PDB file of N, CA and C in Angstrom:
ATOM      1  N   MET A   1      26.604 -18.492  85.166  1.00  0.00           N
ATOM      2  CA  MET A   1      25.669 -17.631  84.532  1.00  0.00           C
ATOM      3  C   MET A   1      26.190 -17.338  83.064  1.00  0.00           C
ATOM      4  N   GLU A   2      25.272 -17.424  82.146  1.00  0.00           N
ATOM      5  CA  GLU A   2      25.688 -17.114  80.746  1.00  0.00           C
ATOM      6  C   GLU A   2      25.797 -15.621  80.495  1.00  0.00           C
ATOM      7  N   ARG A   3      26.698 -15.227  79.839  1.00  0.00           N
ATOM      8  CA  ARG A   3      26.970 -13.788  79.477  1.00  0.00           C
ATOM      9  C   ARG A   3      26.057 -13.379  78.374  1.00  0.00           C
ATOM     10  N   ALA A   4      25.432 -12.242  78.475  1.00  0.00           N
ATOM     11  CA  ALA A   4      24.598 -11.751  77.407  1.00  0.00           C
ATOM     12  C   ALA A   4      25.415 -11.269  76.252  1.00  0.00           C
ATOM     13  N   LYS A   5      24.760 -11.434  75.208  1.00  0.00           N
ATOM     14  CA  LYS A   5      25.314 -11.035  73.768  1.00  0.00           C
ATOM     15  C   LYS A   5      24.809  -9.585  73.557  1.00  0.00           C
ATOM     16  N   HIS A   6      25.756  -8.609  73.371  1.00  0.00           N
ATOM     17  CA  HIS A   6      25.290  -7.290  73.121  1.00  0.00           C
ATOM     18  C   HIS A   6      25.432  -6.925  71.646  1.00  0.00           C
ATOM     19  N   ALA A   7      24.476  -6.232  71.155  1.00  0.00           N
ATOM     20  CA  ALA A   7      24.553  -5.733  69.723  1.00  0.00           C
ATOM     21  C   ALA A   7      25.610  -4.664  69.738  1.00  0.00           C
ATOM     22  N   VAL A   8      26.240  -4.504  68.608  1.00  0.00           N
ATOM     23  CA  VAL A   8      27.197  -3.332  68.499  1.00  0.00           C
ATOM     24  C   VAL A   8      26.503  -1.997  68.458  1.00  0.00           C
ATOM     25  N   ASP A   9      26.966  -1.149  69.372  1.00  0.00           N
ATOM     26  CA  ASP A   9      26.418   0.103  69.498  1.00  0.00           C
ATOM     27  C   ASP A   9      27.268   0.998  68.444  1.00  0.00           C
ATOM     28  N   ARG A  10      26.582   1.261  67.261  1.00  0.00           N
ATOM     29  CA  ARG A  10      27.219   1.951  66.123  1.00  0.00           C
ATOM     30  C   ARG A  10      27.809   3.308  66.458  1.00  0.00           C
ATOM     31  N   LYS A  11      27.070   4.013  67.383  1.00  0.00           N
ATOM     32  CA  LYS A  11      27.557   5.335  67.809  1.00  0.00           C
ATOM     33  C   LYS A  11      28.888   5.281  68.515  1.00  0.00           C
ATOM     34  N   ALA A  12      28.971   4.290  69.498  1.00  0.00           N
ATOM     35  CA  ALA A  12      30.218   4.049  70.349  1.00  0.00           C
ATOM     36  C   ALA A  12      31.300   3.649  69.374  1.00  0.00           C
ATOM     37  N   PHE A  13      30.860   2.609  68.375  1.00  0.00           N
ATOM     38  CA  PHE A  13      31.957   2.121  67.440  1.00  0.00           C
ATOM     39  C   PHE A  13      32.488   3.320  66.648  1.00  0.00           C
ATOM     40  N   ALA A  14      31.637   4.234  66.201  1.00  0.00           N
ATOM     41  CA  ALA A  14      32.109   5.373  65.465  1.00  0.00           C
ATOM     42  C   ALA A  14      33.076   6.276  66.303  1.00  0.00           C
ATOM     43  N   ALA A  15      32.621   6.474  67.507  1.00  0.00           N
ATOM     44  CA  ALA A  15      33.383   7.220  68.495  1.00  0.00           C
ATOM     45  C   ALA A  15      34.882   6.608  68.708  1.00  0.00           C
ATOM     46  N   VAL A  16      34.932   5.277  68.822  1.00  0.00           N
ATOM     47  CA  VAL A  16      36.261   4.554  68.917  1.00  0.00           C
ATOM     48  C   VAL A  16      36.990   4.805  67.703  1.00  0.00           C
ATOM     49  N   ALA A  17      36.463   4.708  66.528  1.00  0.00           N
ATOM     50  CA  ALA A  17      36.978   4.846  65.336  1.00  0.00           C
ATOM     51  C   ALA A  17      37.676   6.291  65.185  1.00  0.00           C
ATOM     52  N   GLU A  18      36.926   7.207  65.570  1.00  0.00           N
ATOM     53  CA  GLU A  18      37.390   8.664  65.558  1.00  0.00           C
ATOM     54  C   GLU A  18      38.641   8.838  66.474  1.00  0.00           C
ATOM     55  N   VAL A  19      38.551   8.223  67.733  1.00  0.00           N
ATOM     56  CA  VAL A  19      39.730   8.291  68.661  1.00  0.00           C
ATOM     57  C   VAL A  19      40.962   7.616  68.088  1.00  0.00           C
ATOM     58  N   LEU A  20      40.735   6.537  67.492  1.00  0.00           N
ATOM     59  CA  LEU A  20      41.939   5.736  66.808  1.00  0.00           C
ATOM     60  C   LEU A  20      42.434   6.541  65.762  1.00  0.00           C
ATOM     61  N   ALA A  21      41.692   7.173  64.973  1.00  0.00           N
ATOM     62  CA  ALA A  21      42.120   7.966  63.796  1.00  0.00           C
ATOM     63  C   ALA A  21      42.944   9.187  64.231  1.00  0.00           C
ATOM     64  N   ASP A  22      42.660   9.625  65.421  1.00  0.00           N
ATOM     65  CA  ASP A  22      43.308  10.919  65.996  1.00  0.00           C
ATOM     66  C   ASP A  22      44.650  10.599  66.677  1.00  0.00           C
ATOM     67  N   ILE A  23      44.883   9.271  66.975  1.00  0.00           N
ATOM     68  CA  ILE A  23      46.170   9.058  67.563  1.00  0.00           C
ATOM     69  C   ILE A  23      47.268   8.878  66.493  1.00  0.00           C
ATOM     70  N   ASP A  24      48.235   9.694  66.490  1.00  0.00           N
ATOM     71  CA  ASP A  24      49.247   9.611  65.505  1.00  0.00           C
ATOM     72  C   ASP A  24      50.650   9.062  65.912  1.00  0.00           C
ATOM     73  N   SER A  25      50.748   8.816  67.155  1.00  0.00           N
ATOM     74  CA  SER A  25      52.041   8.240  67.701  1.00  0.00           C
ATOM     75  C   SER A  25      51.814   6.732  67.942  1.00  0.00           C
ATOM     76  N   PRO A  26      52.775   5.896  67.271  1.00  0.00           N
ATOM     77  CA  PRO A  26      52.668   4.431  67.581  1.00  0.00           C
ATOM     78  C   PRO A  26      52.862   4.112  69.014  1.00  0.00           C
ATOM     79  N   THR A  27      53.636   4.831  69.730  1.00  0.00           N
ATOM     80  CA  THR A  27      53.923   4.544  71.213  1.00  0.00           C
ATOM     81  C   THR A  27      52.500   4.881  71.916  1.00  0.00           C
ATOM     82  N   GLU A  28      51.865   6.032  71.623  1.00  0.00           N
ATOM     83  CA  GLU A  28      50.616   6.417  72.250  1.00  0.00           C
ATOM     84  C   GLU A  28      49.474   5.401  71.832  1.00  0.00           C
ATOM     85  N   MET A  29      49.598   4.829  70.588  1.00  0.00           N
ATOM     86  CA  MET A  29      48.573   3.961  70.114  1.00  0.00           C
ATOM     87  C   MET A  29      48.768   2.542  70.935  1.00  0.00           C
ATOM     88  N   ARG A  30      49.923   2.183  71.081  1.00  0.00           N
ATOM     89  CA  ARG A  30      50.202   0.941  71.885  1.00  0.00           C
ATOM     90  C   ARG A  30      49.640   1.015  73.320  1.00  0.00           C
ATOM     91  N   GLU A  31      49.951   2.189  73.899  1.00  0.00           N
ATOM     92  CA  GLU A  31      49.465   2.479  75.257  1.00  0.00           C
ATOM     93  C   GLU A  31      48.022   2.481  75.418  1.00  0.00           C
ATOM     94  N   PHE A  32      47.396   3.052  74.397  1.00  0.00           N
ATOM     95  CA  PHE A  32      45.901   3.173  74.363  1.00  0.00           C
ATOM     96  C   PHE A  32      45.265   1.750  74.234  1.00  0.00           C
ATOM     97  N   LEU A  33      45.855   0.953  73.341  1.00  0.00           N
ATOM     98  CA  LEU A  33      45.284  -0.298  73.098  1.00  0.00           C
ATOM     99  C   LEU A  33      45.575  -1.237  74.303  1.00  0.00           C
ATOM    100  N   ASN A  34      46.719  -1.143  74.911  1.00  0.00           N
ATOM    101  CA  ASN A  34      46.929  -1.915  76.189  1.00  0.00           C
ATOM    102  C   ASN A  34      45.990  -1.583  77.308  1.00  0.00           C
ATOM    103  N   GLU A  35      45.603  -0.287  77.292  1.00  0.00           N
ATOM    104  CA  GLU A  35      44.715   0.120  78.429  1.00  0.00           C
ATOM    105  C   GLU A  35      43.269  -0.292  78.145  1.00  0.00           C
ATOM    106  N   LEU A  36      42.965  -0.214  76.867  1.00  0.00           N
ATOM    107  CA  LEU A  36      41.550  -0.501  76.394  1.00  0.00           C
ATOM    108  C   LEU A  36      41.179  -1.988  76.243  1.00  0.00           C
ATOM    109  N   LEU A  37      42.083  -2.762  75.774  1.00  0.00           N
ATOM    110  CA  LEU A  37      41.772  -4.101  75.469  1.00  0.00           C
ATOM    111  C   LEU A  37      42.452  -5.103  76.608  1.00  0.00           C
ATOM    112  N   THR A  38      41.772  -6.318  76.720  1.00  0.00           N
ATOM    113  CA  THR A  38      42.207  -7.307  77.585  1.00  0.00           C
ATOM    114  C   THR A  38      43.393  -8.050  76.809  1.00  0.00           C
ATOM    115  N   PRO A  39      44.120  -8.734  77.545  1.00  0.00           N
ATOM    116  CA  PRO A  39      45.239  -9.559  76.936  1.00  0.00           C
ATOM    117  C   PRO A  39      44.654 -10.539  75.921  1.00  0.00           C
ATOM    118  N   GLY A  40      43.512 -11.111  76.212  1.00  0.00           N
ATOM    119  CA  GLY A  40      42.901 -11.990  75.217  1.00  0.00           C
ATOM    120  C   GLY A  40      42.512 -11.231  73.850  1.00  0.00           C
ATOM    121  N   GLU A  41      41.919  -9.988  74.114  1.00  0.00           N
ATOM    122  CA  GLU A  41      41.656  -9.286  72.899  1.00  0.00           C
ATOM    123  C   GLU A  41      42.909  -8.753  72.038  1.00  0.00           C
ATOM    124  N   ILE A  42      43.883  -8.434  72.738  1.00  0.00           N
ATOM    125  CA  ILE A  42      45.165  -8.088  72.071  1.00  0.00           C
ATOM    126  C   ILE A  42      45.658  -9.389  71.382  1.00  0.00           C
ATOM    127  N   ARG A  43      45.727 -10.471  72.037  1.00  0.00           N
ATOM    128  CA  ARG A  43      46.083 -11.694  71.349  1.00  0.00           C
ATOM    129  C   ARG A  43      45.333 -11.993  70.138  1.00  0.00           C
ATOM    130  N   ASP A  44      44.010 -11.859  70.153  1.00  0.00           N
ATOM    131  CA  ASP A  44      43.189 -12.112  69.013  1.00  0.00           C
ATOM    132  C   ASP A  44      43.416 -11.183  67.907  1.00  0.00           C
ATOM    133  N   ILE A  45      43.589  -9.870  68.152  1.00  0.00           N
ATOM    134  CA  ILE A  45      43.984  -8.880  67.091  1.00  0.00           C
ATOM    135  C   ILE A  45      45.331  -9.176  66.426  1.00  0.00           C
ATOM    136  N   THR A  46      46.325  -9.403  67.279  1.00  0.00           N
ATOM    137  CA  THR A  46      47.609  -9.734  66.752  1.00  0.00           C
ATOM    138  C   THR A  46      47.631 -10.974  65.957  1.00  0.00           C
ATOM    139  N   LEU A  47      46.964 -12.026  66.317  1.00  0.00           N
ATOM    140  CA  LEU A  47      46.987 -13.360  65.590  1.00  0.00           C
ATOM    141  C   LEU A  47      46.215 -13.031  64.201  1.00  0.00           C
ATOM    142  N   ARG A  48      45.182 -12.194  64.258  1.00  0.00           N
ATOM    143  CA  ARG A  48      44.429 -11.941  63.063  1.00  0.00           C
ATOM    144  C   ARG A  48      45.483 -11.124  62.052  1.00  0.00           C
ATOM    145  N   TRP A  49      46.191 -10.190  62.646  1.00  0.00           N
ATOM    146  CA  TRP A  49      47.098  -9.419  61.774  1.00  0.00           C
ATOM    147  C   TRP A  49      48.187 -10.364  61.191  1.00  0.00           C
ATOM    148  N   LYS A  50      48.724 -11.207  62.048  1.00  0.00           N
ATOM    149  CA  LYS A  50      49.737 -12.150  61.646  1.00  0.00           C
ATOM    150  C   LYS A  50      49.315 -13.183  60.549  1.00  0.00           C
ATOM    151  N   LEU A  51      48.105 -13.587  60.590  1.00  0.00           N
ATOM    152  CA  LEU A  51      47.547 -14.342  59.542  1.00  0.00           C
ATOM    153  C   LEU A  51      47.320 -13.583  58.306  1.00  0.00           C
ATOM    154  N   LEU A  52      46.975 -12.349  58.321  1.00  0.00           N
ATOM    155  CA  LEU A  52      46.908 -11.499  57.163  1.00  0.00           C
ATOM    156  C   LEU A  52      48.172 -11.326  56.571  1.00  0.00           C
ATOM    157  N   GLU A  53      49.203 -11.084  57.368  1.00  0.00           N
ATOM    158  CA  GLU A  53      50.629 -10.868  56.785  1.00  0.00           C
ATOM    159  C   GLU A  53      51.109 -12.123  56.070  1.00  0.00           C
ATOM    160  N   LEU A  54      50.852 -13.250  56.675  1.00  0.00           N
ATOM    161  CA  LEU A  54      51.233 -14.521  56.015  1.00  0.00           C
ATOM    162  C   LEU A  54      50.493 -14.786  54.745  1.00  0.00           C
ATOM    163  N   LEU A  55      49.213 -14.521  54.652  1.00  0.00           N
ATOM    164  CA  LEU A  55      48.472 -14.684  53.449  1.00  0.00           C
ATOM    165  C   LEU A  55      48.987 -13.726  52.380  1.00  0.00           C
ATOM    166  N   ALA A  56      49.384 -12.460  52.770  1.00  0.00           N
ATOM    167  CA  ALA A  56      49.844 -11.475  51.880  1.00  0.00           C
ATOM    168  C   ALA A  56      51.246 -11.896  51.336  1.00  0.00           C
ATOM    169  N   ASP A  57      51.926 -12.705  52.158  1.00  0.00           N
ATOM    170  CA  ASP A  57      53.176 -13.173  51.726  1.00  0.00           C
ATOM    171  C   ASP A  57      53.121 -14.449  50.750  1.00  0.00           C
ATOM    172  N   GLY A  58      51.843 -14.951  50.667  1.00  0.00           N
ATOM    173  CA  GLY A  58      51.691 -16.035  49.833  1.00  0.00           C
ATOM    174  C   GLY A  58      51.737 -17.416  50.442  1.00  0.00           C
ATOM    175  N   VAL A  59      51.840 -17.523  51.800  1.00  0.00           N
ATOM    176  CA  VAL A  59      51.952 -18.711  52.622  1.00  0.00           C
ATOM    177  C   VAL A  59      50.607 -19.482  52.367  1.00  0.00           C
ATOM    178  N   PRO A  60      50.609 -20.709  52.063  1.00  0.00           N
ATOM    179  CA  PRO A  60      49.418 -21.522  51.839  1.00  0.00           C
ATOM    180  C   PRO A  60      48.586 -21.549  53.261  1.00  0.00           C
ATOM    181  N   GLN A  61      47.321 -21.615  52.993  1.00  0.00           N
ATOM    182  CA  GLN A  61      46.442 -21.580  54.184  1.00  0.00           C
ATOM    183  C   GLN A  61      46.582 -22.629  55.125  1.00  0.00           C
ATOM    184  N   ARG A  62      46.745 -23.923  54.658  1.00  0.00           N
ATOM    185  CA  ARG A  62      47.040 -25.083  55.489  1.00  0.00           C
ATOM    186  C   ARG A  62      48.315 -24.905  56.317  1.00  0.00           C
ATOM    187  N   LYS A  63      49.328 -24.348  55.706  1.00  0.00           N
ATOM    188  CA  LYS A  63      50.560 -24.027  56.481  1.00  0.00           C
ATOM    189  C   LYS A  63      50.342 -22.944  57.542  1.00  0.00           C
ATOM    190  N   ILE A  64      49.660 -22.102  57.276  1.00  0.00           N
ATOM    191  CA  ILE A  64      49.201 -20.974  58.309  1.00  0.00           C
ATOM    192  C   ILE A  64      48.461 -21.701  59.410  1.00  0.00           C
ATOM    193  N   ALA A  65      47.445 -22.430  59.097  1.00  0.00           N
ATOM    194  CA  ALA A  65      46.684 -23.068  60.139  1.00  0.00           C
ATOM    195  C   ALA A  65      47.475 -24.014  61.098  1.00  0.00           C
ATOM    196  N   GLU A  66      48.383 -24.780  60.459  1.00  0.00           N
ATOM    197  CA  GLU A  66      49.394 -25.536  61.175  1.00  0.00           C
ATOM    198  C   GLU A  66      50.250 -24.744  62.088  1.00  0.00           C
ATOM    199  N   ASP A  67      50.987 -23.634  61.520  1.00  0.00           N
ATOM    200  CA  ASP A  67      51.891 -22.902  62.176  1.00  0.00           C
ATOM    201  C   ASP A  67      51.308 -22.063  63.299  1.00  0.00           C
ATOM    202  N   LEU A  68      50.129 -21.461  63.110  1.00  0.00           N
ATOM    203  CA  LEU A  68      49.409 -20.630  64.056  1.00  0.00           C
ATOM    204  C   LEU A  68      48.414 -21.404  64.966  1.00  0.00           C
ATOM    205  N   LYS A  69      48.181 -22.640  64.566  1.00  0.00           N
ATOM    206  CA  LYS A  69      47.184 -23.448  65.285  1.00  0.00           C
ATOM    207  C   LYS A  69      45.785 -22.780  65.411  1.00  0.00           C
ATOM    208  N   ILE A  70      45.331 -22.499  64.153  1.00  0.00           N
ATOM    209  CA  ILE A  70      43.995 -21.899  64.083  1.00  0.00           C
ATOM    210  C   ILE A  70      43.263 -22.613  62.997  1.00  0.00           C
ATOM    211  N   SER A  71      41.911 -22.444  62.852  1.00  0.00           N
ATOM    212  CA  SER A  71      41.103 -23.231  61.958  1.00  0.00           C
ATOM    213  C   SER A  71      41.343 -22.519  60.625  1.00  0.00           C
ATOM    214  N   LEU A  72      40.976 -23.411  59.618  1.00  0.00           N
ATOM    215  CA  LEU A  72      40.975 -22.796  58.185  1.00  0.00           C
ATOM    216  C   LEU A  72      39.864 -21.786  57.985  1.00  0.00           C
ATOM    217  N   CYS A  73      38.795 -21.845  58.744  1.00  0.00           N
ATOM    218  CA  CYS A  73      37.758 -20.905  58.646  1.00  0.00           C
ATOM    219  C   CYS A  73      38.218 -19.422  58.938  1.00  0.00           C
ATOM    220  N   LYS A  74      38.950 -19.315  59.874  1.00  0.00           N
ATOM    221  CA  LYS A  74      39.539 -17.924  60.262  1.00  0.00           C
ATOM    222  C   LYS A  74      40.492 -17.478  59.210  1.00  0.00           C
ATOM    223  N   ILE A  75      41.211 -18.392  58.631  1.00  0.00           N
ATOM    224  CA  ILE A  75      42.184 -18.040  57.516  1.00  0.00           C
ATOM    225  C   ILE A  75      41.355 -17.596  56.251  1.00  0.00           C
ATOM    226  N   THR A  76      40.369 -18.476  55.957  1.00  0.00           N
ATOM    227  CA  THR A  76      39.570 -18.099  54.859  1.00  0.00           C
ATOM    228  C   THR A  76      38.892 -16.868  54.878  1.00  0.00           C
ATOM    229  N   ARG A  77      38.489 -16.464  56.062  1.00  0.00           N
ATOM    230  CA  ARG A  77      37.873 -15.024  56.159  1.00  0.00           C
ATOM    231  C   ARG A  77      39.027 -14.042  55.941  1.00  0.00           C
ATOM    232  N   GLY A  78      40.123 -14.208  56.480  1.00  0.00           N
ATOM    233  CA  GLY A  78      41.180 -13.174  56.093  1.00  0.00           C
ATOM    234  C   GLY A  78      41.576 -13.138  54.698  1.00  0.00           C
ATOM    235  N   SER A  79      41.566 -14.389  54.081  1.00  0.00           N
ATOM    236  CA  SER A  79      41.890 -14.370  52.572  1.00  0.00           C
ATOM    237  C   SER A  79      40.802 -13.692  51.776  1.00  0.00           C
ATOM    238  N   ARG A  80      39.589 -13.801  52.081  1.00  0.00           N
ATOM    239  CA  ARG A  80      38.366 -13.072  51.480  1.00  0.00           C
ATOM    240  C   ARG A  80      38.640 -11.628  51.732  1.00  0.00           C
ATOM    241  N   ILE A  81      39.029 -11.155  52.822  1.00  0.00           N
ATOM    242  CA  ILE A  81      39.255  -9.739  53.058  1.00  0.00           C
ATOM    243  C   ILE A  81      40.262  -9.256  52.091  1.00  0.00           C
ATOM    244  N   LEU A  82      41.367  -9.913  51.987  1.00  0.00           N
ATOM    245  CA  LEU A  82      42.434  -9.446  51.098  1.00  0.00           C
ATOM    246  C   LEU A  82      42.123  -9.459  49.637  1.00  0.00           C
ATOM    247  N   LYS A  83      41.202 -10.300  49.296  1.00  0.00           N
ATOM    248  CA  LYS A  83      40.803 -10.383  47.827  1.00  0.00           C
ATOM    249  C   LYS A  83      39.792  -9.363  47.498  1.00  0.00           C
ATOM    250  N   GLN A  84      39.178  -8.760  48.419  1.00  0.00           N
ATOM    251  CA  GLN A  84      38.079  -7.829  48.224  1.00  0.00           C
ATOM    252  C   GLN A  84      38.694  -6.488  47.572  1.00  0.00           C
ATOM    253  N   ARG A  85      38.162  -6.111  46.470  1.00  0.00           N
ATOM    254  CA  ARG A  85      38.659  -4.805  45.796  1.00  0.00           C
ATOM    255  C   ARG A  85      38.275  -3.698  46.650  1.00  0.00           C
ATOM    256  N   GLY A  86      39.127  -2.759  46.872  1.00  0.00           N
ATOM    257  CA  GLY A  86      38.864  -1.633  47.730  1.00  0.00           C
ATOM    258  C   GLY A  86      38.879  -1.852  49.253  1.00  0.00           C
ATOM    259  N   ALA A  87      39.197  -3.062  49.690  1.00  0.00           N
ATOM    260  CA  ALA A  87      39.039  -3.273  51.208  1.00  0.00           C
ATOM    261  C   ALA A  87      40.237  -2.488  51.861  1.00  0.00           C
ATOM    262  N   VAL A  88      39.933  -1.874  52.875  1.00  0.00           N
ATOM    263  CA  VAL A  88      40.771  -1.005  53.670  1.00  0.00           C
ATOM    264  C   VAL A  88      41.900  -1.826  54.275  1.00  0.00           C
ATOM    265  N   THR A  89      41.582  -3.061  54.832  1.00  0.00           N
ATOM    266  CA  THR A  89      42.514  -3.873  55.393  1.00  0.00           C
ATOM    267  C   THR A  89      43.566  -4.275  54.412  1.00  0.00           C
ATOM    268  N   GLY A  90      43.147  -4.623  53.248  1.00  0.00           N
ATOM    269  CA  GLY A  90      44.161  -5.130  52.222  1.00  0.00           C
ATOM    270  C   GLY A  90      45.083  -4.031  51.786  1.00  0.00           C
ATOM    271  N   ARG A  91      44.483  -2.798  51.676  1.00  0.00           N
ATOM    272  CA  ARG A  91      45.231  -1.577  51.324  1.00  0.00           C
ATOM    273  C   ARG A  91      46.229  -1.223  52.438  1.00  0.00           C
ATOM    274  N   VAL A  92      45.734  -1.189  53.605  1.00  0.00           N
ATOM    275  CA  VAL A  92      46.645  -0.821  54.730  1.00  0.00           C
ATOM    276  C   VAL A  92      47.870  -1.839  54.862  1.00  0.00           C
ATOM    277  N   LEU A  93      47.543  -3.081  54.878  1.00  0.00           N
ATOM    278  CA  LEU A  93      48.506  -4.156  54.989  1.00  0.00           C
ATOM    279  C   LEU A  93      49.563  -4.057  53.733  1.00  0.00           C
ATOM    280  N   HIS A  94      49.093  -3.948  52.617  1.00  0.00           N
ATOM    281  CA  HIS A  94      49.927  -3.844  51.413  1.00  0.00           C
ATOM    282  C   HIS A  94      50.808  -2.454  51.472  1.00  0.00           C
ATOM    283  N   ASP A  95      50.234  -1.420  51.769  1.00  0.00           N
ATOM    284  CA  ASP A  95      50.976  -0.130  51.985  1.00  0.00           C
ATOM    285  C   ASP A  95      52.066  -0.312  53.014  1.00  0.00           C
ATOM    286  N   GLU A  96      51.675  -0.869  54.214  1.00  0.00           N
ATOM    287  CA  GLU A  96      52.539  -0.975  55.322  1.00  0.00           C
ATOM    288  C   GLU A  96      53.755  -1.827  54.956  1.00  0.00           C
ATOM    289  N   ARG A  97      53.573  -2.877  54.057  1.00  0.00           N
ATOM    290  CA  ARG A  97      54.662  -3.774  53.793  1.00  0.00           C
ATOM    291  C   ARG A  97      55.164  -3.562  52.391  1.00  0.00           C
ATOM    292  N   SER A  98      54.745  -2.406  51.729  1.00  0.00           N
ATOM    293  CA  SER A  98      55.242  -2.042  50.387  1.00  0.00           C
ATOM    294  C   SER A  98      55.057  -3.149  49.399  1.00  0.00           C
ATOM    295  N   LEU A  99      53.835  -3.787  49.434  1.00  0.00           N
ATOM    296  CA  LEU A  99      53.512  -4.893  48.483  1.00  0.00           C
ATOM    297  C   LEU A  99      52.547  -4.498  47.567  1.00  0.00           C
ATOM    298  N   PRO A 100      52.435  -4.975  46.409  1.00  0.00           N
ATOM    299  CA  PRO A 100      51.499  -4.689  45.391  1.00  0.00           C
ATOM    300  C   PRO A 100      50.093  -5.220  45.863  1.00  0.00           C
ATOM    301  N   LEU A 101      49.046  -4.532  45.540  1.00  0.00           N
ATOM    302  CA  LEU A 101      47.751  -5.110  45.730  1.00  0.00           C
ATOM    303  C   LEU A 101      47.488  -6.152  44.667  1.00  0.00           C
ATOM    304  N   PRO A 102      46.681  -7.148  44.972  1.00  0.00           N
ATOM    305  CA  PRO A 102      46.265  -8.155  44.105  1.00  0.00           C
ATOM    306  C   PRO A 102      45.769  -7.510  42.756  1.00  0.00           C
ATOM    307  N   GLY A 103      46.399  -7.923  41.650  1.00  0.00           N
ATOM    308  CA  GLY A 103      45.920  -7.434  40.334  1.00  0.00           C
ATOM    309  C   GLY A 103      46.708  -6.016  39.995  1.00  0.00           C
ATOM    310  N   ASP A 104      47.473  -5.509  40.893  1.00  0.00           N
ATOM    311  CA  ASP A 104      48.200  -4.193  40.582  1.00  0.00           C
ATOM    312  C   ASP A 104      49.437  -4.559  39.904  1.00  0.00           C
ATOM    313  N   LYS A 105      49.539  -3.954  38.705  1.00  0.00           N
ATOM    314  CA  LYS A 105      50.808  -4.186  37.983  1.00  0.00           C
ATOM    315  C   LYS A 105      51.742  -2.911  37.956  1.00  0.00           C
ATOM    316  N   THR A 106      51.290  -1.913  38.706  1.00  0.00           N
ATOM    317  CA  THR A 106      52.103  -0.687  38.703  1.00  0.00           C
ATOM    318  C   THR A 106      53.239  -0.556  39.789  1.00  0.00           C
ATOM    319  N   ARG A 107      53.315  -1.380  40.663  1.00  0.00           N
ATOM    320  CA  ARG A 107      54.389  -1.406  41.603  1.00  0.00           C
ATOM    321  C   ARG A 107      55.386  -2.505  41.377  1.00  0.00           C
TER     322      ARG A 107
END
């Protein structure tokens, strides 16, 4: 039987975002994510984060694809996110790693 594709419930998405924003303990956040997500979903999120870290470090896309065994399409999407001015993902990643944002000469 084929699984149905569900549209994103924006109200539920907003509720999840609120809950995530309210958790201020890394330990509690890890526990919450482990309870909420399947192992496959956790793997997907951590793989996405790893590729974003490697892109931020300047690792070439083809090397990332080879090392992580993922398609260039996934890496290109991550690269576009990091290049977007004002993207929250890029800011969070760069703040977390104390790296300058692209085009930022102040750090």
